[in-house]
C-alpha atoms as a PDB file:
ATOM      1  CA  UNK A   1     -19.841  98.034  90.712  1.00  0.00           C
ATOM      2  CA  UNK A   2     -20.533  94.317  91.089  1.00  0.00           C
ATOM      3  CA  UNK A   3     -16.906  93.689  92.003  1.00  0.00           C
ATOM      4  CA  UNK A   4     -17.015  96.460  94.612  1.00  0.00           C
ATOM      5  CA  UNK A   5     -20.238  95.068  96.085  1.00  0.00           C
ATOM      6  CA  UNK A   6     -18.774  91.578  96.270  1.00  0.00           C
ATOM      7  CA  UNK A   7     -15.591  92.862  97.895  1.00  0.00           C
ATOM      8  CA  UNK A   8     -17.586  94.793 100.526  1.00  0.00           C
ATOM      9  CA  UNK A   9     -19.736  91.741 101.256  1.00  0.00           C
ATOM     10  CA  UNK A  10     -16.725  89.470 101.673  1.00  0.00           C
ATOM     11  CA  UNK A  11     -15.073  92.067 103.939  1.00  0.00           C
ATOM     12  CA  UNK A  12     -18.135  92.211 106.190  1.00  0.00           C
ATOM     13  CA  UNK A  13     -18.400  88.421 106.357  1.00  0.00           C
ATOM     14  CA  UNK A  14     -14.681  88.120 107.138  1.00  0.00           C
ATOM     15  CA  UNK A  15     -15.006  90.787 109.851  1.00  0.00           C
ATOM     16  CA  UNK A  16     -17.950  88.990 111.455  1.00  0.00           C
ATOM     17  CA  UNK A  17     -15.974  85.759 111.439  1.00  0.00           C
ATOM     18  CA  UNK A  18     -13.003  87.465 113.080  1.00  0.00           C
ATOM     19  CA  UNK A  19     -15.212  89.003 115.784  1.00  0.00           C
ATOM     20  CA  UNK A  20     -16.877  85.649 116.503  1.00  0.00           C
ATOM     21  CA  UNK A  21     -13.525  83.872 116.756  1.00  0.00           C
ATOM     22  CA  UNK A  22     -12.200  86.691 118.930  1.00  0.00           C
ATOM     23  CA  UNK A  23     -15.109  86.435 121.379  1.00  0.00           C
ATOM     24  CA  UNK A  24     -14.998  82.656 121.607  1.00  0.00           C
ATOM     25  CA  UNK A  25     -11.235  82.698 122.168  1.00  0.00           C
ATOM     26  CA  UNK A  26     -11.603  85.272 124.961  1.00  0.00           C
ATOM     27  CA  UNK A  27     -14.272  83.282 126.820  1.00  0.00           C
ATOM     28  CA  UNK A  28     -12.367  80.030 126.411  1.00  0.00           C
ATOM     29  CA  UNK A  29      -9.130  81.661 127.538  1.00  0.00           C
ATOM     30  CA  UNK A  30     -10.796  83.111 130.631  1.00  0.00           C
ATOM     31  CA  UNK A  31     -11.463  79.661 132.099  1.00  0.00           C
ATOM     32  CA  UNK A  32      -7.782  78.822 131.760  1.00  0.00           C
ATOM     33  CA  UNK A  33      -6.664  81.797 133.859  1.00  0.00           C
ATOM     34  CA  UNK A  34      -5.705  81.845 137.506  1.00  0.00           C
ATOM     35  CA  UNK A  35      -7.697  83.860 140.056  1.00  0.00           C
ATOM     36  CA  UNK A  36     -10.718  83.912 137.767  1.00  0.00           C
ATOM     37  CA  UNK A  37     -13.109  84.949 140.524  1.00  0.00           C
ATOM     38  CA  UNK A  38     -11.202  88.122 141.425  1.00  0.00           C
ATOM     39  CA  UNK A  39     -10.911  89.135 137.757  1.00  0.00           C
ATOM     40  CA  UNK A  40     -14.602  88.459 137.209  1.00  0.00           C
ATOM     41  CA  UNK A  41     -15.535  90.471 140.303  1.00  0.00           C
ATOM     42  CA  UNK A  42     -13.538  93.448 139.082  1.00  0.00           C
ATOM     43  CA  UNK A  43     -15.121  93.189 135.624  1.00  0.00           C
ATOM     44  CA  UNK A  44     -18.619  93.050 137.146  1.00  0.00           C
ATOM     45  CA  UNK A  45     -17.812  96.174 139.153  1.00  0.00           C
ATOM     46  CA  UNK A  46     -16.622  98.016 136.051  1.00  0.00           C
ATOM     47  CA  UNK A  47     -19.440  96.886 133.781  1.00  0.00           C
ATOM     48  CA  UNK A  48     -22.326  96.696 136.232  1.00  0.00           C
ATOM     49  CA  UNK A  49     -21.925  98.837 139.311  1.00  0.00           C
ATOM     50  CA  UNK A  50     -20.482 101.870 137.559  1.00  0.00           C
ATOM     51  CA  UNK A  51     -23.294 101.811 134.990  1.00  0.00           C
ATOM     52  CA  UNK A  52     -26.061 101.548 137.594  1.00  0.00           C
ATOM     53  CA  UNK A  53     -26.595 105.321 138.118  1.00  0.00           C
ATOM     54  CA  UNK A  54     -27.003 106.130 134.420  1.00  0.00           C
ATOM     55  CA  UNK A  55     -29.209 103.073 133.807  1.00  0.00           C
ATOM     56  CA  UNK A  56     -31.447 103.967 136.768  1.00  0.00           C
ATOM     57  CA  UNK A  57     -31.710 107.610 135.680  1.00  0.00           C
ATOM     58  CA  UNK A  58     -32.552 106.782 132.076  1.00  0.00           C
ATOM     59  CA  UNK A  59     -35.031 104.124 133.221  1.00  0.00           C
ATOM     60  CA  UNK A  60     -36.866 106.578 135.464  1.00  0.00           C
ATOM     61  CA  UNK A  61     -37.238 109.291 132.834  1.00  0.00           C
ATOM     62  CA  UNK A  62     -38.125 106.756 130.142  1.00  0.00           C
ATOM     63  CA  UNK A  63     -40.975 105.534 132.330  1.00  0.00           C
ATOM     64  CA  UNK A  64     -42.074 109.106 133.059  1.00  0.00           C
ATOM     65  CA  UNK A  65     -42.164 110.016 129.372  1.00  0.00           C
ATOM     66  CA  UNK A  66     -43.937 106.795 128.405  1.00  0.00           C
ATOM     67  CA  UNK A  67     -46.548 107.361 131.102  1.00  0.00           C
ATOM     68  CA  UNK A  68     -47.322 110.807 129.686  1.00  0.00           C
ATOM     69  CA  UNK A  69     -47.294 109.857 126.013  1.00  0.00           C
ATOM     70  CA  UNK A  70     -49.239 106.618 126.353  1.00  0.00           C
ATOM     71  CA  UNK A  71     -51.840 108.243 128.602  1.00  0.00           C
ATOM     72  CA  UNK A  72     -52.680 110.906 126.026  1.00  0.00           C
ATOM     73  CA  UNK A  73     -52.836 108.210 123.336  1.00  0.00           C
ATOM     74  CA  UNK A  74     -55.011 105.784 125.307  1.00  0.00           C
ATOM     75  CA  UNK A  75     -57.388 108.434 126.633  1.00  0.00           C
ATOM     76  CA  UNK A  76     -58.516 109.144 123.050  1.00  0.00           C
ATOM     77  CA  UNK A  77     -59.910 105.608 122.927  1.00  0.00           C
ATOM     78  CA  UNK A  78     -61.196 105.585 126.490  1.00  0.00           C
ATOM     79  CA  UNK A  79     -58.592 102.975 127.444  1.00  0.00           C
ATOM     80  CA  UNK A  80     -56.494 104.881 129.986  1.00  0.00           C
ATOM     81  CA  UNK A  81     -56.970 101.958 132.395  1.00  0.00           C
ATOM     82  CA  UNK A  82     -54.581  99.974 130.148  1.00  0.00           C
ATOM     83  CA  UNK A  83     -51.711 102.367 130.890  1.00  0.00           C
ATOM     84  CA  UNK A  84     -49.973  99.933 133.252  1.00  0.00           C
ATOM     85  CA  UNK A  85     -50.052  97.144 130.693  1.00  0.00           C
ATOM     86  CA  UNK A  86     -48.788  99.370 127.885  1.00  0.00           C
ATOM     87  CA  UNK A  87     -45.903 100.796 129.905  1.00  0.00           C
ATOM     88  CA  UNK A  88     -44.777  97.486 131.405  1.00  0.00           C
ATOM     89  CA  UNK A  89     -44.904  95.454 128.189  1.00  0.00           C
ATOM     90  CA  UNK A  90     -43.140  98.164 126.163  1.00  0.00           C
ATOM     91  CA  UNK A  91     -40.331  98.343 128.694  1.00  0.00           C
ATOM     92  CA  UNK A  92     -39.925  94.641 129.383  1.00  0.00           C
ATOM     93  CA  UNK A  93     -40.113  93.472 125.773  1.00  0.00           C
ATOM     94  CA  UNK A  94     -38.239  96.183 123.911  1.00  0.00           C
ATOM     95  CA  UNK A  95     -37.121  99.431 125.479  1.00  0.00           C
ATOM     96  CA  UNK A  96     -35.576  97.947 128.609  1.00  0.00           C
ATOM     97  CA  UNK A  97     -33.010  95.640 126.962  1.00  0.00           C
ATOM     98  CA  UNK A  98     -32.247  98.038 124.101  1.00  0.00           C
ATOM     99  CA  UNK A  99     -31.777 101.246 126.118  1.00  0.00           C
ATOM    100  CA  UNK A 100     -29.854  99.440 128.848  1.00  0.00           C
ATOM    101  CA  UNK A 101     -27.449  98.001 126.275  1.00  0.00           C
ATOM    102  CA  UNK A 102     -26.967 101.403 124.648  1.00  0.00           C
ATOM    103  CA  UNK A 103     -26.239 103.059 127.992  1.00  0.00           C
ATOM    104  CA  UNK A 104     -23.686 100.400 128.986  1.00  0.00           C
ATOM    105  CA  UNK A 105     -22.012 100.614 125.581  1.00  0.00           C
ATOM    106  CA  UNK A 106     -21.751 104.387 125.874  1.00  0.00           C
ATOM    107  CA  UNK A 107     -20.079 104.203 129.269  1.00  0.00           C
ATOM    108  CA  UNK A 108     -18.409 100.847 129.823  1.00  0.00           C
ATOM    109  CA  UNK A 109     -17.919  99.696 126.223  1.00  0.00           C
ATOM    110  CA  UNK A 110     -16.198 102.877 125.077  1.00  0.00           C
ATOM    111  CA  UNK A 111     -13.948 102.847 128.149  1.00  0.00           C
ATOM    112  CA  UNK A 112     -12.960  99.237 127.476  1.00  0.00           C
ATOM    113  CA  UNK A 113     -12.160  99.943 123.823  1.00  0.00           C
ATOM    114  CA  UNK A 114     -10.006 102.927 124.801  1.00  0.00           C
ATOM    115  CA  UNK A 115      -8.207 100.978 127.521  1.00  0.00           C
ATOM    116  CA  UNK A 116      -7.383  98.068 125.237  1.00  0.00           C
ATOM    117  CA  UNK A 117      -6.309 100.459 122.492  1.00  0.00           C
ATOM    118  CA  UNK A 118      -3.886 102.213 124.838  1.00  0.00           C
ATOM    119  CA  UNK A 119      -2.540  98.887 126.069  1.00  0.00           C
ATOM    120  CA  UNK A 120      -1.974  97.837 122.477  1.00  0.00           C
ATOM    121  CA  UNK A 121      -0.129 101.049 121.605  1.00  0.00           C
ATOM    122  CA  UNK A 122       1.985 100.844 124.773  1.00  0.00           C
ATOM    123  CA  UNK A 123       2.907  97.233 123.873  1.00  0.00           C
ATOM    124  CA  UNK A 124       1.442  95.904 127.121  1.00  0.00           C
ATOM    125  CA  UNK A 125      -0.450  93.218 125.195  1.00  0.00           C
ATOM    126  CA  UNK A 126       2.775  92.173 123.469  1.00  0.00           C
ATOM    127  CA  UNK A 127       4.435  91.967 126.902  1.00  0.00           C
ATOM    128  CA  UNK A 128       1.732  89.583 128.101  1.00  0.00           C
ATOM    129  CA  UNK A 129       2.321  87.357 125.092  1.00  0.00           C
ATOM    130  CA  UNK A 130       6.063  87.414 125.796  1.00  0.00           C
ATOM    131  CA  UNK A 131       5.357  86.172 129.339  1.00  0.00           C
ATOM    132  CA  UNK A 132       3.209  83.329 127.895  1.00  0.00           C
ATOM    133  CA  UNK A 133      -0.016  84.883 129.244  1.00  0.00           C
ATOM    134  CA  UNK A 134      -3.055  84.677 126.996  1.00  0.00           C
ATOM    135  CA  UNK A 135      -4.039  88.353 126.551  1.00  0.00           C
ATOM    136  CA  UNK A 136      -7.534  87.484 125.347  1.00  0.00           C
ATOM    137  CA  UNK A 137      -8.328  85.407 128.419  1.00  0.00           C
ATOM    138  CA  UNK A 138      -6.574  87.828 130.754  1.00  0.00           C
ATOM    139  CA  UNK A 139      -7.909  91.157 129.462  1.00  0.00           C
ATOM    140  CA  UNK A 140     -11.096  90.425 127.497  1.00  0.00           C
ATOM    141  CA  UNK A 141     -12.504  87.167 128.864  1.00  0.00           C
ATOM    142  CA  UNK A 142     -13.592  88.460 132.304  1.00  0.00           C
ATOM    143  CA  UNK A 143     -15.462  91.365 130.714  1.00  0.00           C
ATOM    144  CA  UNK A 144     -17.365  89.139 128.303  1.00  0.00           C
ATOM    145  CA  UNK A 145     -18.394  86.763 131.096  1.00  0.00           C
ATOM    146  CA  UNK A 146     -19.331  89.758 133.267  1.00  0.00           C
ATOM    147  CA  UNK A 147     -21.600  91.042 130.502  1.00  0.00           C
ATOM    148  CA  UNK A 148     -23.674  87.851 130.770  1.00  0.00           C
ATOM    149  CA  UNK A 149     -24.236  88.679 134.442  1.00  0.00           C
ATOM    150  CA  UNK A 150     -24.589  92.468 134.353  1.00  0.00           C
ATOM    151  CA  UNK A 151     -26.755  93.092 131.308  1.00  0.00           C
ATOM    152  CA  UNK A 152     -29.797  91.043 132.478  1.00  0.00           C
ATOM    153  CA  UNK A 153     -29.552  92.448 136.028  1.00  0.00           C
ATOM    154  CA  UNK A 154     -29.316  96.050 134.857  1.00  0.00           C
ATOM    155  CA  UNK A 155     -32.156  95.416 132.404  1.00  0.00           C
ATOM    156  CA  UNK A 156     -34.358  94.185 135.256  1.00  0.00           C
ATOM    157  CA  UNK A 157     -33.492  97.305 137.275  1.00  0.00           C
ATOM    158  CA  UNK A 158     -34.272  99.494 134.257  1.00  0.00           C
ATOM    159  CA  UNK A 159     -37.663  97.787 133.808  1.00  0.00           C
ATOM    160  CA  UNK A 160     -38.660  98.127 137.458  1.00  0.00           C
ATOM    161  CA  UNK A 161     -37.662 101.778 137.709  1.00  0.00           C
ATOM    162  CA  UNK A 162     -39.306 102.519 134.361  1.00  0.00           C
ATOM    163  CA  UNK A 163     -42.592 100.938 135.426  1.00  0.00           C
ATOM    164  CA  UNK A 164     -42.471 102.985 138.618  1.00  0.00           C
ATOM    165  CA  UNK A 165     -41.829 106.101 136.497  1.00  0.00           C
ATOM    166  CA  UNK A 166     -44.926 105.285 134.456  1.00  0.00           C
ATOM    167  CA  UNK A 167     -46.862 105.026 137.714  1.00  0.00           C
ATOM    168  CA  UNK A 168     -45.645 108.472 138.780  1.00  0.00           C
ATOM    169  CA  UNK A 169     -46.778 110.001 135.481  1.00  0.00           C
ATOM    170  CA  UNK A 170     -50.041 108.119 135.189  1.00  0.00           C
ATOM    171  CA  UNK A 171     -51.294 107.843 138.749  1.00  0.00           C
ATOM    172  CA  UNK A 172     -49.665 110.724 140.608  1.00  0.00           C
ATOM    173  CA  UNK A 173     -49.783 113.373 137.873  1.00  0.00           C
ATOM    174  CA  UNK A 174     -52.690 112.279 135.652  1.00  0.00           C
ATOM    175  CA  UNK A 175     -54.991 110.678 138.255  1.00  0.00           C
ATOM    176  CA  UNK A 176     -55.112 107.138 136.856  1.00  0.00           C
ATOM    177  CA  UNK A 177     -56.199 104.893 139.714  1.00  0.00           C
ATOM    178  CA  UNK A 178     -53.065 103.372 141.232  1.00  0.00           C
ATOM    179  CA  UNK A 179     -54.809 100.066 141.981  1.00  0.00           C
ATOM    180  CA  UNK A 180     -55.895  99.758 138.358  1.00  0.00           C
ATOM    181  CA  UNK A 181     -52.382 100.603 137.139  1.00  0.00           C
ATOM    182  CA  UNK A 182     -50.604  97.949 139.224  1.00  0.00           C
ATOM    183  CA  UNK A 183     -53.363  95.390 138.670  1.00  0.00           C
ATOM    184  CA  UNK A 184     -52.990  95.695 134.884  1.00  0.00           C
ATOM    185  CA  UNK A 185     -49.227  95.314 135.239  1.00  0.00           C
ATOM    186  CA  UNK A 186     -49.717  92.160 137.311  1.00  0.00           C
ATOM    187  CA  UNK A 187     -52.330  90.666 134.982  1.00  0.00           C
ATOM    188  CA  UNK A 188     -50.623  91.477 131.694  1.00  0.00           C
ATOM    189  CA  UNK A 189     -46.945  90.689 132.222  1.00  0.00           C
ATOM    190  CA  UNK A 190     -46.194  86.984 131.771  1.00  0.00           C
ATOM    191  CA  UNK A 191     -42.984  85.086 132.447  1.00  0.00           C
ATOM    192  CA  UNK A 192     -42.484  84.661 128.697  1.00  0.00           C
ATOM    193  CA  UNK A 193     -42.218  88.452 128.341  1.00  0.00           C
ATOM    194  CA  UNK A 194     -39.639  88.704 131.124  1.00  0.00           C
ATOM    195  CA  UNK A 195     -37.691  85.736 129.800  1.00  0.00           C
ATOM    196  CA  UNK A 196     -37.565  87.239 126.314  1.00  0.00           C
ATOM    197  CA  UNK A 197     -36.172  90.472 127.745  1.00  0.00           C
ATOM    198  CA  UNK A 198     -33.465  88.587 129.646  1.00  0.00           C
ATOM    199  CA  UNK A 199     -32.500  86.614 126.542  1.00  0.00           C
ATOM    200  CA  UNK A 200     -32.157  89.833 124.570  1.00  0.00           C
ATOM    201  CA  UNK A 201     -30.099  91.449 127.324  1.00  0.00           C
ATOM    202  CA  UNK A 202     -27.640  88.543 127.513  1.00  0.00           C
ATOM    203  CA  UNK A 203     -27.208  88.426 123.730  1.00  0.00           C
ATOM    204  CA  UNK A 204     -26.789  92.201 123.539  1.00  0.00           C
ATOM    205  CA  UNK A 205     -24.153  92.006 126.259  1.00  0.00           C
ATOM    206  CA  UNK A 206     -22.016  89.446 124.475  1.00  0.00           C
ATOM    207  CA  UNK A 207     -22.341  91.143 121.084  1.00  0.00           C
ATOM    208  CA  UNK A 208     -21.596  94.686 122.223  1.00  0.00           C
ATOM    209  CA  UNK A 209     -18.743  93.875 124.576  1.00  0.00           C
ATOM    210  CA  UNK A 210     -17.125  91.615 121.980  1.00  0.00           C
ATOM    211  CA  UNK A 211     -17.267  94.351 119.346  1.00  0.00           C
ATOM    212  CA  UNK A 212     -15.883  96.988 121.720  1.00  0.00           C
ATOM    213  CA  UNK A 213     -13.071  94.707 122.870  1.00  0.00           C
ATOM    214  CA  UNK A 214     -12.292  93.663 119.299  1.00  0.00           C
ATOM    215  CA  UNK A 215     -11.993  97.249 118.081  1.00  0.00           C
ATOM    216  CA  UNK A 216      -9.749  98.269 120.982  1.00  0.00           C
ATOM    217  CA  UNK A 217      -7.604  95.126 120.912  1.00  0.00           C
ATOM    218  CA  UNK A 218      -6.962  95.491 117.160  1.00  0.00           C
ATOM    219  CA  UNK A 219      -6.371  99.237 117.115  1.00  0.00           C
ATOM    220  CA  UNK A 220      -3.009  98.742 115.465  1.00  0.00           C
ATOM    221  CA  UNK A 221      -4.650  96.948 112.515  1.00  0.00           C
ATOM    222  CA  UNK A 222      -8.081  98.576 112.206  1.00  0.00           C
ATOM    223  CA  UNK A 223      -7.455 102.250 112.957  1.00  0.00           C
ATOM    224  CA  UNK A 224      -6.593 104.653 110.147  1.00  0.00           C
ATOM    225  CA  UNK A 225      -4.200 106.653 112.314  1.00  0.00           C
ATOM    226  CA  UNK A 226      -1.473 105.658 114.778  1.00  0.00           C
ATOM    227  CA  UNK A 227      -1.225 106.658 118.412  1.00  0.00           C
ATOM    228  CA  UNK A 228      -3.857 108.512 120.401  1.00  0.00           C
ATOM    229  CA  UNK A 229      -5.889 109.432 117.338  1.00  0.00           C
ATOM    230  CA  UNK A 230      -6.181 105.762 116.424  1.00  0.00           C
ATOM    231  CA  UNK A 231      -7.451 104.923 119.911  1.00  0.00           C
ATOM    232  CA  UNK A 232     -10.065 107.667 119.600  1.00  0.00           C
ATOM    233  CA  UNK A 233     -11.150 106.303 116.222  1.00  0.00           C
ATOM    234  CA  UNK A 234     -11.386 102.757 117.564  1.00  0.00           C
ATOM    235  CA  UNK A 235     -13.519 103.860 120.534  1.00  0.00           C
ATOM    236  CA  UNK A 236     -15.865 105.827 118.300  1.00  0.00           C
ATOM    237  CA  UNK A 237     -16.321 102.982 115.844  1.00  0.00           C
ATOM    238  CA  UNK A 238     -16.796 100.517 118.689  1.00  0.00           C
ATOM    239  CA  UNK A 239     -19.703 102.538 120.092  1.00  0.00           C
ATOM    240  CA  UNK A 240     -21.279 103.067 116.672  1.00  0.00           C
ATOM    241  CA  UNK A 241     -20.977  99.436 115.587  1.00  0.00           C
ATOM    242  CA  UNK A 242     -22.206  98.156 118.935  1.00  0.00           C
ATOM    243  CA  UNK A 243     -25.227 100.454 118.897  1.00  0.00           C
ATOM    244  CA  UNK A 244     -26.170  99.409 115.382  1.00  0.00           C
ATOM    245  CA  UNK A 245     -25.672  95.734 116.243  1.00  0.00           C
ATOM    246  CA  UNK A 246     -28.075  96.094 119.190  1.00  0.00           C
ATOM    247  CA  UNK A 247     -30.845  97.352 116.908  1.00  0.00           C
ATOM    248  CA  UNK A 248     -30.191  94.699 114.257  1.00  0.00           C
ATOM    249  CA  UNK A 249     -30.054  91.901 116.832  1.00  0.00           C
ATOM    250  CA  UNK A 250     -33.211  93.239 118.490  1.00  0.00           C
ATOM    251  CA  UNK A 251     -35.144  92.887 115.254  1.00  0.00           C
ATOM    252  CA  UNK A 252     -33.810  89.401 114.545  1.00  0.00           C
ATOM    253  CA  UNK A 253     -34.469  88.120 118.074  1.00  0.00           C
ATOM    254  CA  UNK A 254     -37.944  89.634 118.150  1.00  0.00           C
ATOM    255  CA  UNK A 255     -38.747  87.950 114.827  1.00  0.00           C
ATOM    256  CA  UNK A 256     -37.912  84.560 116.342  1.00  0.00           C
ATOM    257  CA  UNK A 257     -39.569  85.147 119.730  1.00  0.00           C
ATOM    258  CA  UNK A 258     -42.929  86.427 118.456  1.00  0.00           C
END
């Protein structure tokens, strides 16, 4: 049992080291590529613009639900005037970065893992190496750099739409004074709260996109099955690992920021 535990621990540590080296090599290789701006623009479109509708939709309904739930909790203590503060701080500090990352992983991260897995099986990555093109910098690097841009922006959009959703629930449906709601948002939210949310979003972006790219890029080594089934397995594991890593990183970052 002790031997099995030690072997599992060493495997996890080795895997984390491989993922870290993989991500660093992709970012470093990106800055050695030609036409970096066009590749980065395309990656921002794939990671950011295509995820905007789902992020906005989830943000709106998250704010609506939080407005309802927090109102019925605060009204028991006669503190319904604090609804704006409760909704805004919950979204900006925690729910905004976490839910945004999970939504992007579900849409963009899984697509990237599948695409890289197919390219690996079709030997397109081997062809790039034959032509002396760094496949990490060419295929993965732009997406990792784009995640540093897209995740904070989409998180800010999620927060704003979520706060507006809380206003719809609290002020329009439950008759909380709108002036009180927005005044508590203005008085309570500090730059440190917003900055902490942006830091989380950027870290989540790098971690999740690196894991998704790593699983797809190494489908031939990490998947249990060859071919299409292996690509499906890699995409599934990429989403699961990325989602778990978001929650683990959220706890660790929050521990340091508080």
